[in-house]
Amino acid sequence: MSAQPGRQGSTAIAILAVVSAGSLANGCWMVFAPHHWFRNLPAAIPDYGPFNPHFVRDVGVAFLTMGAALAWATVRAAARFELVAVAALFAALHAVLHVFDTATGHVGAAHWMLDLPGVYFPAIVLVAVAGLLRGIRRR
């Protein structure tokens, strides 16, 4: 990918910046205020089980890592695809776990919609951007 990414590449970079900011914000919230995150995230997190501050912080660190990789991808064209692919893998596997929990009744059917904006949508977007970047890279 050249220094001038073109229209598709510029759109991908903008999307990555937005997803990065969201991941970094969520990760910071989880690491520095885990109980507040657990009780106030509008995704009914308590439905998944009791509060465990260590576990919330562990997952927060994963979100910080993903956010950092995506931020790096916005400025490092040579590694953009690889960084986004790894972030997309985390997001997709995270989404699969939520699908499993909802499909098996561990959490209620309301989670199909509750998890859409913060779990399913970012996963779909990152997988799509990774595919786009792979196509751009092959040109």
Protein backbone atom coordinates (compact mmCIF):
# COMPACT_ATOMS: atom_id res chain seq x y z
CA MET A 1 0.00 0.00 0.00
CA SER A 2 1.45 3.35 -0.99
CA ALA A 3 1.81 6.46 1.16
CA GLN A 4 -1.29 7.79 -0.61
CA PRO A 5 -3.87 5.15 0.37
CA GLY A 6 -6.61 6.21 -2.03
CA ARG A 7 -10.29 6.54 -1.27
CA GLN A 8 -10.85 3.00 0.04
CA GLY A 9 -7.71 3.13 2.14
CA SER A 10 -8.61 6.54 3.57
CA THR A 11 -12.06 5.27 4.52
CA ALA A 12 -10.51 2.21 6.14
CA ILE A 13 -8.11 4.41 8.13
CA ALA A 14 -10.99 6.60 9.36
CA ILE A 15 -12.97 3.51 10.41
CA LEU A 16 -9.94 2.09 12.19
CA ALA A 17 -9.44 5.35 14.07
CA VAL A 18 -13.04 5.30 15.31
CA VAL A 19 -12.93 1.63 16.36
CA SER A 20 -9.54 2.22 17.98
CA ALA A 21 -10.87 5.14 20.01
CA GLY A 22 -13.85 3.08 21.16
CA SER A 23 -11.66 0.12 22.11
CA LEU A 24 -9.20 2.32 24.00
CA ALA A 25 -12.00 4.12 25.85
CA ASN A 26 -13.70 0.84 26.76
CA GLY A 27 -10.41 -0.71 27.85
CA CYS A 28 -9.53 2.27 30.04
CA TRP A 29 -12.97 2.19 31.64
CA MET A 30 -12.62 -1.54 32.32
CA VAL A 31 -9.11 -1.28 33.77
CA PHE A 32 -9.51 1.87 35.86
CA ALA A 33 -13.18 1.59 36.95
CA PRO A 34 -14.16 -2.08 36.56
CA HIS A 35 -17.14 -2.00 38.91
CA HIS A 36 -18.50 1.15 37.29
CA TRP A 37 -18.07 -0.47 33.86
CA PHE A 38 -19.77 -3.68 35.04
CA ARG A 39 -22.80 -1.84 36.43
CA ASN A 40 -23.16 0.94 33.83
CA LEU A 41 -22.27 -0.44 30.40
CA PRO A 42 -25.67 -0.52 28.64
CA ALA A 43 -25.26 -4.15 27.64
CA ALA A 44 -26.55 -5.92 30.77
CA ILE A 45 -23.12 -7.31 31.66
CA PRO A 46 -24.36 -8.70 35.02
CA ASP A 47 -26.43 -11.20 32.98
CA TYR A 48 -23.17 -13.02 32.24
CA GLY A 49 -22.30 -13.66 35.88
CA PRO A 50 -21.12 -12.03 39.08
CA PHE A 51 -18.65 -9.16 39.16
CA ASN A 52 -15.01 -10.20 39.10
CA PRO A 53 -12.68 -7.18 39.04
CA HIS A 54 -9.65 -9.17 37.92
CA PHE A 55 -11.54 -10.67 34.98
CA VAL A 56 -12.97 -7.29 33.93
CA ARG A 57 -9.46 -5.80 34.00
CA ASP A 58 -8.06 -8.77 32.04
CA VAL A 59 -10.61 -8.21 29.28
CA GLY A 60 -9.96 -4.47 29.52
CA VAL A 61 -6.30 -5.10 28.75
CA ALA A 62 -7.37 -7.07 25.66
CA PHE A 63 -9.43 -4.08 24.51
CA LEU A 64 -6.49 -1.74 25.16
CA THR A 65 -4.27 -4.03 23.10
CA MET A 66 -6.77 -4.12 20.25
CA GLY A 67 -7.19 -0.34 20.38
CA ALA A 68 -3.42 0.18 20.33
CA ALA A 69 -3.02 -2.18 17.36
CA LEU A 70 -5.73 -0.34 15.44
CA ALA A 71 -4.22 3.04 16.30
CA TRP A 72 -0.86 1.78 15.07
CA ALA A 73 -2.55 0.49 11.91
CA THR A 74 -3.78 3.99 11.11
CA VAL A 75 -0.18 5.26 10.82
CA ARG A 76 1.82 2.17 9.82
CA ALA A 77 0.83 1.27 6.26
CA ALA A 78 3.40 -1.53 5.99
CA ALA A 79 1.79 -3.48 8.86
CA ARG A 80 -1.80 -2.25 8.49
CA PHE A 81 -3.32 -5.48 7.20
CA GLU A 82 -1.61 -7.67 9.79
CA LEU A 83 -2.54 -5.40 12.70
CA VAL A 84 -6.16 -5.19 11.58
CA ALA A 85 -6.33 -8.93 10.93
CA VAL A 86 -5.29 -9.71 14.51
CA ALA A 87 -7.75 -7.16 15.92
CA ALA A 88 -10.48 -8.59 13.68
CA LEU A 89 -9.70 -12.08 14.94
CA PHE A 90 -10.11 -10.99 18.56
CA ALA A 91 -13.34 -9.13 17.77
CA ALA A 92 -14.75 -12.05 15.77
CA LEU A 93 -13.91 -14.64 18.43
CA HIS A 94 -15.39 -12.35 21.09
CA ALA A 95 -18.56 -12.12 19.00
CA VAL A 96 -18.69 -15.92 18.59
CA LEU A 97 -18.62 -16.30 22.39
CA HIS A 98 -21.54 -13.90 22.69
CA VAL A 99 -23.48 -15.76 19.97
CA PHE A 100 -22.85 -19.03 21.82
CA ASP A 101 -23.99 -17.62 25.18
CA THR A 102 -27.15 -16.16 23.70
CA ALA A 103 -27.96 -19.14 21.46
CA THR A 104 -27.57 -21.61 24.33
CA GLY A 105 -29.69 -19.56 26.72
CA HIS A 106 -26.90 -18.53 29.08
CA VAL A 107 -28.23 -15.00 28.61
CA GLY A 108 -31.63 -13.89 27.38
CA ALA A 109 -32.64 -13.28 23.78
CA ALA A 110 -32.48 -9.53 24.42
CA HIS A 111 -28.71 -9.90 24.10
CA TRP A 112 -29.01 -10.34 20.34
CA MET A 113 -29.77 -6.60 20.23
CA LEU A 114 -27.86 -5.54 23.36
CA ASP A 115 -24.64 -7.00 21.97
CA LEU A 116 -25.15 -5.67 18.45
CA PRO A 117 -23.52 -2.22 18.81
CA GLY A 118 -20.57 -3.13 21.04
CA VAL A 119 -19.78 -6.72 20.06
CA TYR A 120 -21.27 -7.84 16.72
CA PHE A 121 -21.01 -4.59 14.75
CA PRO A 122 -17.31 -3.92 15.54
CA ALA A 123 -16.48 -7.54 14.64
CA ILE A 124 -18.27 -7.30 11.30
CA VAL A 125 -16.63 -3.94 10.55
CA LEU A 126 -13.12 -5.13 11.41
CA VAL A 127 -13.46 -8.33 9.38
CA ALA A 128 -14.72 -6.26 6.43
CA VAL A 129 -11.88 -3.74 6.75
CA ALA A 130 -9.34 -6.57 6.97
CA GLY A 131 -10.79 -8.00 3.76
CA LEU A 132 -10.66 -4.60 2.08
CA LEU A 133 -7.05 -4.08 3.14
CA ARG A 134 -6.10 -7.53 1.92
CA GLY A 135 -7.55 -6.63 -1.47
CA ILE A 136 -5.74 -3.29 -1.56
CA ARG A 137 -2.48 -4.98 -0.58
CA ARG A 138 -2.75 -7.52 -3.40
CA ARG A 139 -3.02 -4.82 -6.09
